[in-house]
Structures are given as structure tokens and as C-alpha cells.
Amino acid sequence: MQHEGPEGPVPLRPETPEELAARLTPPPFSPEYRRGFPWVRPDDQAPARVDDTDGVEPAAGGSGGEASTEARLAPVVVTGRAVAESAMRAVVEIDSAIASLQAMRAQLLAGIGGVAVEDAVAERLDPGVGLRDVAAELALMQRRSDRTLEADLNRAMAERERWPATLRAWGAARIHRGHVAVIAEIGAALQDAEARAAFEAALLPHAETVNPGRLRTLARRELERHLERPLAARHVQARSGRTVWVRDVDDGMSLFQALVPTPLARGAYDRATRMAKAAASDDPRSFDQRRADAVCDLLLTGEPTDTALHGITAEVSIIIPAQTLTGDAGAASGPGDEGTEPRPGQVAVARLSDGTPIDPKTALLLAVRATSWTRLFTDPLTGHVTAVDSYVPSAQLKKLLRARDQHCRWPGCNARAARCDIDHTRAWADGGTTEIGNLAHLCRRHHTLKGAQLSRARRWKVRQRSPGVLEFTSPMGNTYIDQPPQTGPTFHDPPSSPWGMPTGIAAPRGDNPF
């Protein structure tokens, strides 16, 4: 390439890195030079500001001043990590500004829609016509779809009317669009203004600290406290709408969708997932492909094409409150409340492990067929889980008990531990825990003597004085102690003489007791 110089064409050459850096570096003593560029300037790094005259010692020959100035104002080395951190802070600020602008846009759209509806009503027109009119005008001004703008107007008007505190928090950038969508979607079932306000007030503090995914779980749980109709009644109505449909998409593919009760959907999905995991290691299909094929196999043939998958069943984990198991989920909470409907928030709701509610009837049916139980202990103030306890001991705990007990712990019985039941000394249903200090082996013959099938007057009572030391009390009131077999060595303090000195040890000189 060439350009015309004063003496004719001059060939152009590419800039060297040094020349490029010199051209892009701000001139010395300028504000940009002293402070660094804002988009690459870390908070903890800034070029030092040095006075022009302080500490300057001109070198001999008169040229040292410029060299000293250049040395003192050398550019700060900015690393890629510092640039990335500065960019991340900028993104956060930009997103906050976008959230505020989105909330402002929603407020403006709500105002525009409100005026359009008022004008339409004043002219005795359908309010929808007024919204359609302003949506068309906005769409033409922005070269967008008028249907999209009309939906935006309706959503903005609903958000301003139903969720005013949420809109204010959005405008202050304390929450984002995703949080607003969750609150509006989950809270749509609330028709009472006071219930909506209480629901909103309970969720907003969480919305400012968690992401929309976690907020959705909290919102579903909070919703149950404010709905007037209990879940069981709502589920009966919703269950009547179960259906299956297919929607064709591109390239010869279709979406197969079903609206069914949650436990059935989760169970079907879990079984298909287990089948996908059990496929041969050399299967060329992806995990999602194997799962989709398993669903089609089960629906079209009634069984998986791979015979090795026949024994796989679904597993669904559900948290069931004690009130639901006993049938007291909707019981009155106090004297004189018999036959009355429970107030919102009083009904105990069974849930999947992710918080999705399950109707009480389905929860009871699944509880009857449960193969294992895990009890949750919660903090009564916060509701947080503080401990878990399963009725069935772990494999490691079973080994420990077998090594400790070795046989049935009933006094005088020597039935091998391997053939005995592991008994909860204090019944699990009564709050007994599954731990070493509340478990012991009892053969079936003696296990029944403390079982629930006997009347209380005929039951033997058992307690553990210390882990492994069992105290049996007969129906006549006699007490028997059973110690676990001694397996390892024991250590005891040596016996002492009458004067406090261990026997077999000479007393130090000068300490003769006589």
C-alpha cells in the first residue's frame, strides 16, 4: 500500500508493537494517564500520582529530568484477570441499570394501557380495542409485532395492580425480571388482595438473596399458606384435566407431552432415567436418546426392548408430615373448631423432595407402598432440617451391632445375631432413633414379647442404660441386666493399699506411713 507524500508516493509499512502502544497510550500528565482507563482500572490498582517537582533531581547534562519523569509515570501493568474482574463489575452495574429500566418500562406501559382502557370505556368501546390501538401504534414506532406489544401492556398492567411492592423492588434493582416472573406466575392463583400482599411481603426478602430457581420452590411452599381451598380439593379439580397431546416441530420430529398427576410424571421420568443409565456401556446413543427410546418402548410395546431393563422400577421421594399420615392434615386446631375448615397455612402438605406439593390421598397411597422411610427433624422456628434418621440401619451400623451383640440380647438366649431382628429399644414410631445406643438384636421369639401386639400390661419394657447395656423389666416388675459379650481387652486402675499407695509399688523414701 502507498500514500501520497510531499515528494510523491510513499510505501506504507505495518506499525510495530511499540509504535502501536505509543499511539494508544494516553499522553503523560493527562487525567486518563494518571487514573487509567475506567474499563481496565482495578479498584486496588491506580497509577501513583507524583507531583511534578517533588523529589526530582535533574541529572547532569540537563536531560535527566525527562527520564526521571518518564520513570515516575510509567504505565501500570494491567493483567487479563484485572480486566476481566473490572468487566464483571461493569456487567453487574449494567444489569442493575437494565433491571431499573425494565421496571420503568413496565410502569410506563401500565400507564399507557390504563389511559387506553379509560378512553375506550369513555367512548363505550371494548377496552381490548383501546389496548389493540396503542399496541399497534407502539409496534409501528419500534418495527415490532403489535401482538407482542399488546401482551406487554396486559402484563405490565397486571403487575402494577397485583404486585406493586415487587415492581418497586424491581425498579430499585434489588430483584430482576426472573424474580418478578416467578412471583407473578406462582401467585396468580391468589385472588384476594390481602393474601397477595402477604404472599408478596413474605417472598420479597428471599427474592433479594436467592436466584429465581430457588425462589420458585419457596413460592410454591408459601402459596399453600394463603390459598383458601386446600390442596386436596384443588387436586381433584386439576386431576380432571389430565390429557396427552402432540405438537409437530421441524425435521420430522414432534413433542409428546402429558399433563398427569405429579407422582405419576416423576415416577415415569425416574424409571426412564434408570433404564437409560442401565444401558450397555458400548451403546452409541446419548443418555437423552436412550431415555427417549425407553419411553417409546414402554408405551408402544409395554416393555423395554432390552430384557435386562425389565426389573427396573421407579423411585419417588416424598416428604410427608405426620399429620398427613394420621389423617389429621385438615383437622381442627383447637377446642370448638370441630367440623370447620382449616385456615390457610394450617394444612400439612406432603411434598416431593424439591418442594412440589402432593395431594394427601396420593401421599397416603404411596406411604402404604413405601419400602423405606427417612425421618426428618426440623427446627421449630426456622423450619430448616437439622437431622435425618432412617428406620432401616445402614450396612455399616448393622456390622457394628452384629460384632457387639453376637447373639440375641434377651437374658439367657444365645440365638445367633445373624438370625435375629434388629430392634429399636425405644420404638421408632415413639421418637426412638436409629443409632448404636437404641438398637439391639432380639430373636423373633423374644422380640414379640415387647411388641405392640401385646397389651401394655403384658409387654416387657426395655431400655439401654448405656449403649449396649440393656435393662429388661418384666410385667411383674422384676429387672434383669444383660451386658454385651466382652470381645477385647479391658484396662483397670491397679488396687490401692489402705494408705492410698498402689500395691506392689514401694513407697518413696521419707514417706513411710509409720
Protein backbone atom coordinates (compact mmCIF):
# COMPACT_ATOMS: atom_id res chain seq x y z
CA MET A 1 0.00 0.00 0.00
CA GLN A 2 1.12 3.58 -0.65
CA HIS A 3 0.05 7.07 0.23
CA GLU A 4 0.91 10.40 -1.35
CA GLY A 5 3.62 12.32 0.46
CA PRO A 6 5.07 15.74 -0.29
CA GLU A 7 7.66 14.15 -2.57
CA GLY A 8 5.44 11.55 -4.22
CA PRO A 9 4.14 8.08 -3.29
CA VAL A 10 5.50 6.69 -0.02
CA PRO A 11 5.13 2.93 0.75
CA LEU A 12 3.16 2.12 3.95
CA ARG A 13 4.54 -0.37 6.46
CA PRO A 14 2.69 -2.01 9.37
CA GLU A 15 3.10 -0.49 12.84
CA THR A 16 5.45 -2.20 15.25
CA PRO A 17 4.03 -3.21 18.65
CA GLU A 18 5.99 -0.41 20.28
CA GLU A 19 4.56 2.18 17.86
CA LEU A 20 1.03 0.84 18.38
CA ALA A 21 1.42 1.03 22.18
CA ALA A 22 2.80 4.57 21.95
CA ARG A 23 -0.15 5.64 19.80
CA LEU A 24 -2.76 4.10 22.13
CA THR A 25 -1.17 5.21 25.42
CA PRO A 26 -2.68 8.43 26.80
CA PRO A 27 -0.33 11.40 26.86
CA PRO A 28 1.59 11.87 30.12
CA PHE A 29 0.06 14.08 32.82
CA SER A 30 -3.42 13.72 31.31
CA PRO A 31 -6.28 12.58 33.63
CA GLU A 32 -6.66 9.34 31.67
CA TYR A 33 -2.97 8.61 32.10
CA ARG A 34 -2.96 9.26 35.82
CA ARG A 35 -6.18 7.34 36.61
CA GLY A 36 -6.02 4.63 33.95
CA PHE A 37 -8.87 3.70 31.65
CA PRO A 38 -12.11 3.07 33.62
CA TRP A 39 -12.83 -0.23 31.85
CA VAL A 40 -9.44 -1.73 32.75
CA ARG A 41 -8.76 0.04 36.03
CA PRO A 42 -8.90 -2.34 39.06
CA ASP A 43 -10.08 -0.88 42.34
CA ASP A 44 -6.83 -1.70 44.11
CA GLN A 45 -4.54 -0.51 41.33
CA ALA A 46 -4.13 3.06 40.18
CA PRO A 47 -1.12 4.85 38.73
CA ALA A 48 0.59 6.73 41.52
CA ARG A 49 0.23 10.48 41.31
CA VAL A 50 3.55 12.17 41.76
CA ASP A 51 3.98 15.93 41.97
CA ASP A 52 5.92 17.41 39.09
CA THR A 53 8.61 18.91 41.30
CA ASP A 54 8.70 16.84 44.50
CA GLY A 55 11.69 14.55 44.66
CA VAL A 56 13.01 15.42 41.17
CA GLU A 57 16.75 15.50 40.95
CA PRO A 58 17.87 16.64 37.46
CA ALA A 59 20.74 14.58 36.17
CA ALA A 60 23.96 16.05 34.83
CA GLY A 61 23.70 17.29 31.29
CA GLY A 62 20.20 18.68 31.74
CA SER A 63 18.44 15.63 30.27
CA GLY A 64 17.78 13.68 33.47
CA GLY A 65 14.51 15.48 34.25
CA GLU A 66 12.64 13.94 31.34
CA ALA A 67 13.99 10.46 32.10
CA SER A 68 13.02 10.78 35.77
CA THR A 69 9.51 11.95 34.84
CA GLU A 70 9.04 9.04 32.47
CA ALA A 71 10.24 6.58 35.13
CA ARG A 72 7.96 8.03 37.78
CA LEU A 73 4.92 7.98 35.46
CA ALA A 74 5.43 4.56 33.95
CA PRO A 75 2.10 2.91 32.96
CA VAL A 76 0.70 0.34 35.39
CA VAL A 77 0.81 -3.20 34.02
CA VAL A 78 -2.81 -4.38 33.68
CA THR A 79 -3.29 -8.16 33.66
CA GLY A 80 -6.01 -10.03 31.82
CA ARG A 81 -7.51 -11.09 35.15
CA ALA A 82 -7.78 -7.47 36.28
CA VAL A 83 -9.53 -6.57 33.02
CA ALA A 84 -11.97 -9.49 33.47
CA GLU A 85 -12.76 -8.50 37.07
CA SER A 86 -13.38 -4.92 36.03
CA ALA A 87 -15.59 -6.12 33.18
CA MET A 88 -17.61 -8.32 35.56
CA ARG A 89 -18.26 -5.37 37.84
CA ALA A 90 -19.34 -3.37 34.82
CA VAL A 91 -21.72 -6.16 33.74
CA VAL A 92 -23.31 -6.20 37.21
CA GLU A 93 -23.83 -2.44 37.07
CA ILE A 94 -25.22 -2.65 33.55
CA ASP A 95 -27.63 -5.43 34.55
CA SER A 96 -28.79 -3.37 37.51
CA ALA A 97 -29.40 -0.43 35.22
CA ILE A 98 -31.28 -2.69 32.79
CA ALA A 99 -33.46 -4.00 35.64
CA SER A 100 -34.35 -0.44 36.66
CA LEU A 101 -35.12 0.47 33.05
CA GLN A 102 -37.26 -2.64 32.61
CA ALA A 103 -39.26 -1.71 35.69
CA MET A 104 -39.60 1.86 34.39
CA ARG A 105 -40.79 0.47 31.05
CA ALA A 106 -43.37 -1.68 32.83
CA GLN A 107 -44.64 1.34 34.77
CA LEU A 108 -44.90 3.40 31.58
CA LEU A 109 -46.64 0.60 29.68
CA ALA A 110 -49.08 0.17 32.55
CA GLY A 111 -49.85 3.89 32.42
CA ILE A 112 -50.30 3.83 28.64
CA GLY A 113 -52.60 0.83 28.91
CA GLY A 114 -54.60 2.42 31.71
CA VAL A 115 -55.22 5.58 29.67
CA ALA A 116 -56.18 3.48 26.64
CA VAL A 117 -58.71 1.50 28.68
CA GLU A 118 -60.19 4.66 30.24
CA ASP A 119 -60.57 6.28 26.81
CA ALA A 120 -62.21 3.17 25.38
CA VAL A 121 -64.66 2.95 28.28
CA ALA A 122 -65.47 6.67 27.95
CA GLU A 123 -66.31 6.07 24.28
CA ARG A 124 -68.29 2.93 25.19
CA LEU A 125 -65.87 0.67 23.36
CA ASP A 126 -64.38 -2.67 24.32
CA PRO A 127 -61.26 -2.00 26.46
CA GLY A 128 -59.45 -4.56 24.35
CA VAL A 129 -59.91 -2.31 21.32
CA GLY A 130 -58.18 0.56 23.10
CA LEU A 131 -55.23 -1.66 24.04
CA ARG A 132 -55.01 -3.01 20.50
CA ASP A 133 -54.94 0.55 19.15
CA VAL A 134 -52.00 1.74 21.29
CA ALA A 135 -50.19 -1.60 20.78
CA ALA A 136 -50.39 -1.13 17.02
CA GLU A 137 -49.02 2.41 17.31
CA LEU A 138 -46.13 1.30 19.55
CA ALA A 139 -45.34 -1.62 17.26
CA LEU A 140 -45.09 0.59 14.19
CA MET A 141 -42.87 3.07 16.03
CA GLN A 142 -40.47 0.22 17.03
CA ARG A 143 -40.91 -2.06 13.99
CA ARG A 144 -42.17 -4.86 16.26
CA SER A 145 -45.19 -7.16 16.47
CA ASP A 146 -48.34 -5.48 17.76
CA ARG A 147 -49.38 -8.77 19.41
CA THR A 148 -46.14 -8.77 21.41
CA LEU A 149 -46.71 -5.16 22.50
CA GLU A 150 -50.32 -5.89 23.47
CA ALA A 151 -49.13 -8.80 25.65
CA ASP A 152 -46.54 -6.49 27.23
CA LEU A 153 -49.25 -3.93 28.00
CA ASN A 154 -51.50 -6.52 29.64
CA ARG A 155 -48.63 -7.97 31.70
CA ALA A 156 -47.45 -4.54 32.85
CA MET A 157 -50.96 -3.52 33.91
CA ALA A 158 -51.40 -6.76 35.86
CA GLU A 159 -48.01 -6.43 37.57
CA ARG A 160 -48.69 -2.85 38.67
CA GLU A 161 -52.13 -3.73 40.00
CA ARG A 162 -51.34 -7.08 41.66
CA TRP A 163 -47.67 -6.77 42.68
CA PRO A 164 -46.85 -3.11 43.44
CA ALA A 165 -44.13 -3.87 46.03
CA THR A 166 -42.43 -6.27 43.61
CA LEU A 167 -42.43 -3.60 40.93
CA ARG A 168 -40.82 -1.13 43.33
CA ALA A 169 -38.12 -3.62 44.29
CA TRP A 170 -37.53 -4.25 40.60
CA GLY A 171 -37.17 -0.55 39.94
CA ALA A 172 -34.59 -0.32 42.74
CA ALA A 173 -32.65 -3.17 41.06
CA ARG A 174 -32.95 -5.33 44.18
CA ILE A 175 -34.50 -8.07 42.05
CA HIS A 176 -34.54 -8.89 38.33
CA ARG A 177 -37.06 -9.89 35.67
CA GLY A 178 -36.79 -13.57 36.59
CA HIS A 179 -37.84 -12.94 40.19
CA VAL A 180 -40.82 -10.86 39.06
CA ALA A 181 -41.93 -13.61 36.69
CA VAL A 182 -41.79 -16.26 39.45
CA ILE A 183 -43.81 -14.16 41.92
CA ALA A 184 -46.43 -13.30 39.29
CA GLU A 185 -46.68 -16.87 37.97
CA ILE A 186 -46.90 -18.72 41.30
CA GLY A 187 -49.07 -16.05 42.91
CA ALA A 188 -51.56 -15.96 40.03
CA ALA A 189 -53.83 -18.33 41.95
CA LEU A 190 -54.35 -15.75 44.71
CA GLN A 191 -57.45 -13.67 44.07
CA ASP A 192 -57.71 -11.94 47.44
CA ALA A 193 -55.75 -8.67 47.62
CA GLU A 194 -54.74 -9.20 51.26
CA ALA A 195 -53.48 -12.71 50.53
CA ARG A 196 -51.47 -11.40 47.57
CA ALA A 197 -49.92 -8.67 49.71
CA ALA A 198 -48.95 -11.18 52.43
CA PHE A 199 -47.56 -13.59 49.82
CA GLU A 200 -45.55 -10.78 48.22
CA ALA A 201 -44.23 -9.49 51.55
CA ALA A 202 -43.07 -12.98 52.55
CA LEU A 203 -41.23 -13.63 49.27
CA LEU A 204 -39.52 -10.31 48.54
CA PRO A 205 -36.81 -10.68 51.22
CA HIS A 206 -35.95 -14.08 49.75
CA ALA A 207 -36.04 -12.74 46.20
CA GLU A 208 -33.29 -10.28 47.09
CA THR A 209 -30.96 -13.09 48.21
CA VAL A 210 -31.69 -16.15 46.03
CA ASN A 211 -31.94 -16.88 42.31
CA PRO A 212 -35.32 -17.38 40.56
CA GLY A 213 -34.98 -21.18 40.65
CA ARG A 214 -34.79 -21.32 44.43
CA LEU A 215 -37.41 -18.61 44.73
CA ARG A 216 -39.83 -20.81 42.78
CA THR A 217 -39.55 -23.58 45.38
CA LEU A 218 -40.08 -21.09 48.22
CA ALA A 219 -43.00 -19.51 46.40
CA ARG A 220 -44.81 -22.84 45.97
CA ARG A 221 -44.42 -23.53 49.67
CA GLU A 222 -45.59 -20.04 50.63
CA LEU A 223 -48.58 -20.24 48.29
CA GLU A 224 -50.13 -23.08 50.33
CA ARG A 225 -50.35 -20.77 53.35
CA HIS A 226 -52.55 -18.26 51.56
CA LEU A 227 -54.88 -20.36 49.39
CA GLU A 228 -58.44 -20.65 50.68
CA ARG A 229 -59.12 -24.08 49.15
CA PRO A 230 -57.00 -26.98 50.47
CA LEU A 231 -54.71 -28.85 48.12
CA ALA A 232 -56.87 -31.99 48.17
CA ALA A 233 -59.89 -30.11 46.77
CA ARG A 234 -57.79 -28.28 44.17
CA HIS A 235 -56.13 -31.51 43.07
CA VAL A 236 -59.48 -33.21 42.45
CA GLN A 237 -60.42 -30.43 40.05
CA ALA A 238 -56.98 -30.27 38.41
CA ARG A 239 -56.80 -34.05 38.01
CA SER A 240 -59.89 -33.98 35.83
CA GLY A 241 -57.90 -32.01 33.27
CA ARG A 242 -55.22 -34.67 32.66
CA THR A 243 -54.51 -35.14 28.99
CA VAL A 244 -51.89 -36.02 26.39
CA TRP A 245 -51.06 -34.07 23.25
CA VAL A 246 -48.54 -33.98 20.43
CA ARG A 247 -47.08 -30.93 18.73
CA ASP A 248 -45.15 -31.35 15.50
CA VAL A 249 -41.88 -29.45 15.12
CA ASP A 250 -39.31 -29.27 12.34
CA ASP A 251 -37.36 -32.03 10.58
CA GLY A 252 -39.87 -34.81 11.14
CA MET A 253 -39.82 -34.53 14.97
CA SER A 254 -42.64 -33.99 17.43
CA LEU A 255 -43.11 -33.06 21.08
CA PHE A 256 -45.03 -35.69 23.08
CA GLN A 257 -46.45 -34.10 26.22
CA ALA A 258 -48.72 -35.26 29.01
CA LEU A 259 -50.49 -33.45 31.84
CA VAL A 260 -50.77 -36.02 34.65
CA PRO A 261 -50.53 -36.06 38.47
CA THR A 262 -47.06 -35.17 39.68
CA PRO A 263 -46.15 -38.52 41.32
CA LEU A 264 -47.01 -40.37 38.11
CA ALA A 265 -44.99 -37.98 35.98
CA ARG A 266 -41.97 -38.11 38.30
CA GLY A 267 -42.21 -41.90 38.56
CA ALA A 268 -42.34 -42.34 34.78
CA TYR A 269 -39.42 -39.98 34.30
CA ASP A 270 -37.39 -41.68 37.01
CA ARG A 271 -37.95 -45.15 35.53
CA ALA A 272 -36.94 -43.96 32.05
CA THR A 273 -33.83 -42.36 33.58
CA ARG A 274 -32.88 -45.59 35.35
CA MET A 275 -33.30 -47.53 32.13
CA ALA A 276 -31.06 -45.07 30.32
CA LYS A 277 -28.38 -45.50 32.99
CA ALA A 278 -28.59 -49.30 32.82
CA ALA A 279 -27.93 -49.49 29.08
CA ALA A 280 -24.77 -51.22 27.87
CA SER A 281 -21.56 -49.21 28.12
CA ASP A 282 -20.89 -49.60 24.39
CA ASP A 283 -24.32 -48.19 23.44
CA PRO A 284 -23.61 -45.43 20.88
CA ARG A 285 -26.72 -43.45 21.82
CA SER A 286 -26.52 -40.44 24.11
CA PHE A 287 -28.14 -40.51 27.54
CA ASP A 288 -31.12 -38.40 26.42
CA GLN A 289 -31.58 -40.59 23.34
CA ARG A 290 -31.66 -43.76 25.48
CA ARG A 291 -34.20 -42.21 27.84
CA ALA A 292 -36.47 -41.10 24.99
CA ASP A 293 -36.26 -44.55 23.39
CA ALA A 294 -37.15 -46.19 26.72
CA VAL A 295 -40.33 -44.09 26.97
CA CYS A 296 -41.37 -45.05 23.44
CA ASP A 297 -40.59 -48.75 24.06
CA LEU A 298 -42.76 -48.82 27.19
CA LEU A 299 -45.68 -47.04 25.52
CA LEU A 300 -45.61 -48.95 22.22
CA THR A 301 -44.69 -52.46 23.36
CA GLY A 302 -45.48 -52.44 27.08
CA GLU A 303 -41.91 -53.43 27.94
CA PRO A 304 -38.34 -52.29 27.15
CA THR A 305 -36.67 -53.86 24.13
CA ASP A 306 -33.62 -54.68 26.28
CA THR A 307 -34.58 -57.62 28.53
CA ALA A 308 -32.00 -56.53 31.13
CA LEU A 309 -34.16 -53.49 31.93
CA HIS A 310 -37.32 -55.41 32.91
CA GLY A 311 -36.67 -55.28 36.67
CA ILE A 312 -36.12 -51.54 36.86
CA THR A 313 -38.84 -49.65 38.71
CA ALA A 314 -39.34 -46.00 39.58
CA GLU A 315 -38.30 -44.32 42.81
CA VAL A 316 -40.06 -41.20 44.09
CA SER A 317 -39.01 -39.43 47.31
CA ILE A 318 -41.80 -37.65 49.17
CA ILE A 319 -41.74 -35.67 52.43
CA ILE A 320 -44.97 -36.48 54.30
CA PRO A 321 -45.91 -34.61 57.51
CA ALA A 322 -47.05 -36.74 60.42
CA GLN A 323 -50.49 -35.10 60.29
CA THR A 324 -50.98 -36.38 56.75
CA LEU A 325 -50.09 -39.95 57.74
CA THR A 326 -52.52 -39.92 60.65
CA GLY A 327 -55.28 -38.29 58.63
CA ASP A 328 -55.19 -35.09 60.69
CA ALA A 329 -53.94 -32.83 57.88
CA GLY A 330 -57.13 -30.81 57.90
CA ALA A 331 -58.16 -31.35 61.49
CA ALA A 332 -59.27 -28.54 63.70
CA SER A 333 -56.50 -26.94 65.66
CA GLY A 334 -58.32 -26.12 68.86
CA PRO A 335 -61.37 -26.72 71.01
CA GLY A 336 -64.64 -25.79 69.42
CA ASP A 337 -63.22 -25.97 65.87
CA GLU A 338 -64.67 -29.38 65.01
CA GLY A 339 -66.17 -29.52 61.54
CA THR A 340 -64.72 -26.18 60.46
CA GLU A 341 -62.47 -25.63 57.50
CA PRO A 342 -58.77 -25.16 58.42
CA ARG A 343 -57.41 -21.71 57.98
CA PRO A 344 -54.84 -21.12 55.19
CA GLY A 345 -51.40 -22.17 56.31
CA GLN A 346 -52.65 -24.71 58.88
CA VAL A 347 -52.90 -27.66 56.48
CA ALA A 348 -49.89 -30.00 56.45
CA VAL A 349 -48.90 -30.69 52.86
CA ALA A 350 -46.91 -33.65 51.53
CA ARG A 351 -44.21 -32.64 49.06
CA LEU A 352 -41.68 -34.09 46.69
CA SER A 353 -38.05 -33.56 47.66
CA ASP A 354 -37.94 -30.39 45.52
CA GLY A 355 -40.97 -28.86 47.29
CA THR A 356 -43.68 -29.74 44.76
CA PRO A 357 -46.94 -30.36 46.71
CA ILE A 358 -48.73 -33.75 46.58
CA ASP A 359 -52.39 -34.24 47.46
CA PRO A 360 -52.94 -36.13 50.77
CA LYS A 361 -54.74 -39.11 49.18
CA THR A 362 -51.88 -39.83 46.79
CA ALA A 363 -49.35 -39.36 49.60
CA LEU A 364 -51.15 -41.95 51.76
CA LEU A 365 -51.31 -44.45 48.90
CA LEU A 366 -47.59 -44.07 48.27
CA ALA A 367 -46.87 -44.33 52.00
CA VAL A 368 -48.59 -47.73 52.13
CA ARG A 369 -46.27 -49.00 49.39
CA ALA A 370 -43.09 -47.37 50.73
CA THR A 371 -40.11 -49.72 51.07
CA SER A 372 -38.05 -47.39 53.28
CA TRP A 373 -38.58 -44.33 55.48
CA THR A 374 -36.34 -41.44 56.43
CA ARG A 375 -37.47 -39.22 59.28
CA LEU A 376 -36.64 -35.50 59.17
CA PHE A 377 -36.08 -33.39 62.29
CA THR A 378 -36.71 -29.69 61.75
CA ASP A 379 -36.08 -26.52 63.69
CA PRO A 380 -39.47 -25.29 65.01
CA LEU A 381 -38.50 -21.65 64.48
CA THR A 382 -36.92 -21.74 61.02
CA GLY A 383 -38.32 -24.96 59.59
CA HIS A 384 -34.84 -25.99 58.44
CA VAL A 385 -33.90 -29.67 58.51
CA THR A 386 -31.42 -30.26 61.34
CA ALA A 387 -31.08 -34.08 61.22
CA VAL A 388 -32.31 -37.14 59.36
CA ASP A 389 -32.99 -40.63 60.64
CA SER A 390 -33.94 -43.76 58.72
CA TYR A 391 -35.79 -46.71 60.22
CA VAL A 392 -33.52 -49.23 58.50
CA PRO A 393 -29.94 -49.18 59.87
CA SER A 394 -27.12 -48.63 57.40
CA ALA A 395 -24.92 -51.56 56.36
CA GLN A 396 -22.05 -50.18 58.47
CA LEU A 397 -24.29 -49.89 61.54
CA LYS A 398 -25.55 -53.45 61.05
CA LYS A 399 -21.95 -54.75 61.03
CA LEU A 400 -21.18 -52.83 64.23
CA LEU A 401 -24.28 -54.19 66.00
CA ARG A 402 -23.56 -57.75 64.94
CA ALA A 403 -19.98 -57.52 66.22
CA ARG A 404 -21.15 -56.03 69.53
CA ASP A 405 -24.15 -58.27 70.29
CA GLN A 406 -23.08 -61.57 68.66
CA HIS A 407 -26.36 -63.17 69.81
CA CYS A 408 -29.91 -62.36 70.92
CA ARG A 409 -29.70 -59.89 73.79
CA TRP A 410 -32.61 -61.40 75.73
CA PRO A 411 -31.15 -62.61 79.04
CA GLY A 412 -30.15 -66.26 78.63
CA CYS A 413 -30.78 -66.51 74.85
CA ASN A 414 -27.89 -67.50 72.57
CA ALA A 415 -29.57 -67.30 69.16
CA ARG A 416 -27.02 -66.06 66.62
CA ALA A 417 -27.25 -62.37 65.79
CA ALA A 418 -27.35 -63.13 62.07
CA ARG A 419 -30.73 -64.83 62.60
CA CYS A 420 -32.18 -62.11 64.86
CA ASP A 421 -34.15 -58.95 64.25
CA ILE A 422 -32.57 -55.55 64.90
CA ASP A 423 -34.92 -53.99 67.43
CA HIS A 424 -35.34 -50.31 68.30
CA THR A 425 -35.15 -50.29 72.11
CA ARG A 426 -37.33 -47.21 72.12
CA ALA A 427 -39.79 -47.64 69.25
CA TRP A 428 -39.01 -45.61 66.15
CA ALA A 429 -42.64 -44.53 65.98
CA ASP A 430 -42.29 -43.11 69.51
CA GLY A 431 -39.26 -41.00 68.60
CA GLY A 432 -36.52 -43.59 69.06
CA THR A 433 -33.51 -43.06 66.84
CA THR A 434 -31.64 -45.48 64.62
CA GLU A 435 -28.29 -45.37 66.38
CA ILE A 436 -25.99 -47.66 68.33
CA GLY A 437 -27.49 -46.65 71.69
CA ASN A 438 -31.05 -47.53 70.69
CA LEU A 439 -30.59 -50.78 68.72
CA ALA A 440 -30.02 -54.37 69.78
CA HIS A 441 -30.52 -57.85 68.37
CA LEU A 442 -33.57 -59.83 69.54
CA CYS A 443 -34.67 -63.17 68.13
CA ARG A 444 -38.20 -63.31 66.77
CA ARG A 445 -39.42 -65.35 69.79
CA HIS A 446 -38.34 -62.71 72.30
CA HIS A 447 -38.93 -59.73 70.01
CA THR A 448 -42.66 -60.39 70.19
CA LEU A 449 -42.64 -60.14 73.99
CA LYS A 450 -42.07 -56.38 73.76
CA GLY A 451 -44.08 -55.88 70.58
CA ALA A 452 -47.14 -53.75 70.04
CA GLN A 453 -49.41 -56.79 69.53
CA LEU A 454 -49.42 -57.35 73.31
CA SER A 455 -51.39 -55.26 75.77
CA ARG A 456 -49.34 -52.74 77.69
CA ALA A 457 -49.73 -54.73 80.89
CA ARG A 458 -48.13 -57.80 79.30
CA ARG A 459 -45.28 -56.10 77.47
CA TRP A 460 -41.71 -56.37 78.66
CA LYS A 461 -40.07 -52.97 78.98
CA VAL A 462 -36.52 -52.50 77.71
CA ARG A 463 -34.13 -49.58 77.98
CA GLN A 464 -30.42 -49.11 77.44
CA ARG A 465 -28.59 -47.82 80.50
CA SER A 466 -25.64 -47.10 78.22
CA PRO A 467 -25.05 -48.14 74.62
CA GLY A 468 -25.24 -51.92 74.60
CA VAL A 469 -26.19 -52.42 78.27
CA LEU A 470 -29.85 -53.49 78.26
CA GLU A 471 -32.22 -53.42 81.21
CA PHE A 472 -35.29 -55.66 80.92
CA THR A 473 -38.31 -55.16 83.18
CA SER A 474 -40.84 -57.99 83.29
CA PRO A 475 -44.62 -57.50 83.60
CA MET A 476 -44.19 -58.42 87.31
CA GLY A 477 -41.68 -55.61 87.81
CA ASN A 478 -38.52 -57.70 88.02
CA THR A 479 -35.39 -56.17 86.43
CA TYR A 480 -32.69 -58.06 84.52
CA ILE A 481 -29.45 -56.61 83.13
CA ASP A 482 -27.76 -58.00 80.02
CA GLN A 483 -24.20 -56.95 79.16
CA PRO A 484 -22.79 -57.34 75.65
CA PRO A 485 -20.11 -60.05 75.29
CA GLN A 486 -16.57 -58.94 76.06
CA THR A 487 -14.51 -59.08 72.89
CA GLY A 488 -11.36 -57.04 73.50
CA PRO A 489 -9.03 -56.49 76.46
CA THR A 490 -10.06 -54.26 79.34
CA PHE A 491 -7.95 -51.94 81.47
CA HIS A 492 -8.47 -51.10 85.13
CA ASP A 493 -6.65 -48.98 87.68
CA PRO A 494 -4.48 -51.13 89.99
CA PRO A 495 -5.91 -51.68 93.50
CA SER A 496 -4.72 -49.24 96.16
CA SER A 497 -3.36 -50.00 99.63
CA PRO A 498 -5.23 -48.73 102.72
CA TRP A 499 -2.89 -45.70 102.75
CA GLY A 500 -3.51 -44.69 99.12
CA MET A 501 -0.44 -46.35 97.55
CA PRO A 502 -0.88 -48.94 94.77
CA THR A 503 0.04 -52.45 95.94
CA GLY A 504 3.34 -53.87 94.68
CA ILE A 505 4.97 -50.43 94.48
CA ALA A 506 7.50 -49.34 97.09
CA ALA A 507 6.80 -46.07 98.82
CA PRO A 508 9.31 -43.29 98.20
CA ARG A 509 11.87 -42.68 100.93
CA GLY A 510 10.76 -40.22 103.55
CA ASP A 511 7.09 -41.10 103.05
CA ASN A 512 6.90 -44.08 105.44
CA PRO A 513 3.33 -44.13 106.79
CA PHE A 514 4.62 -45.40 110.15
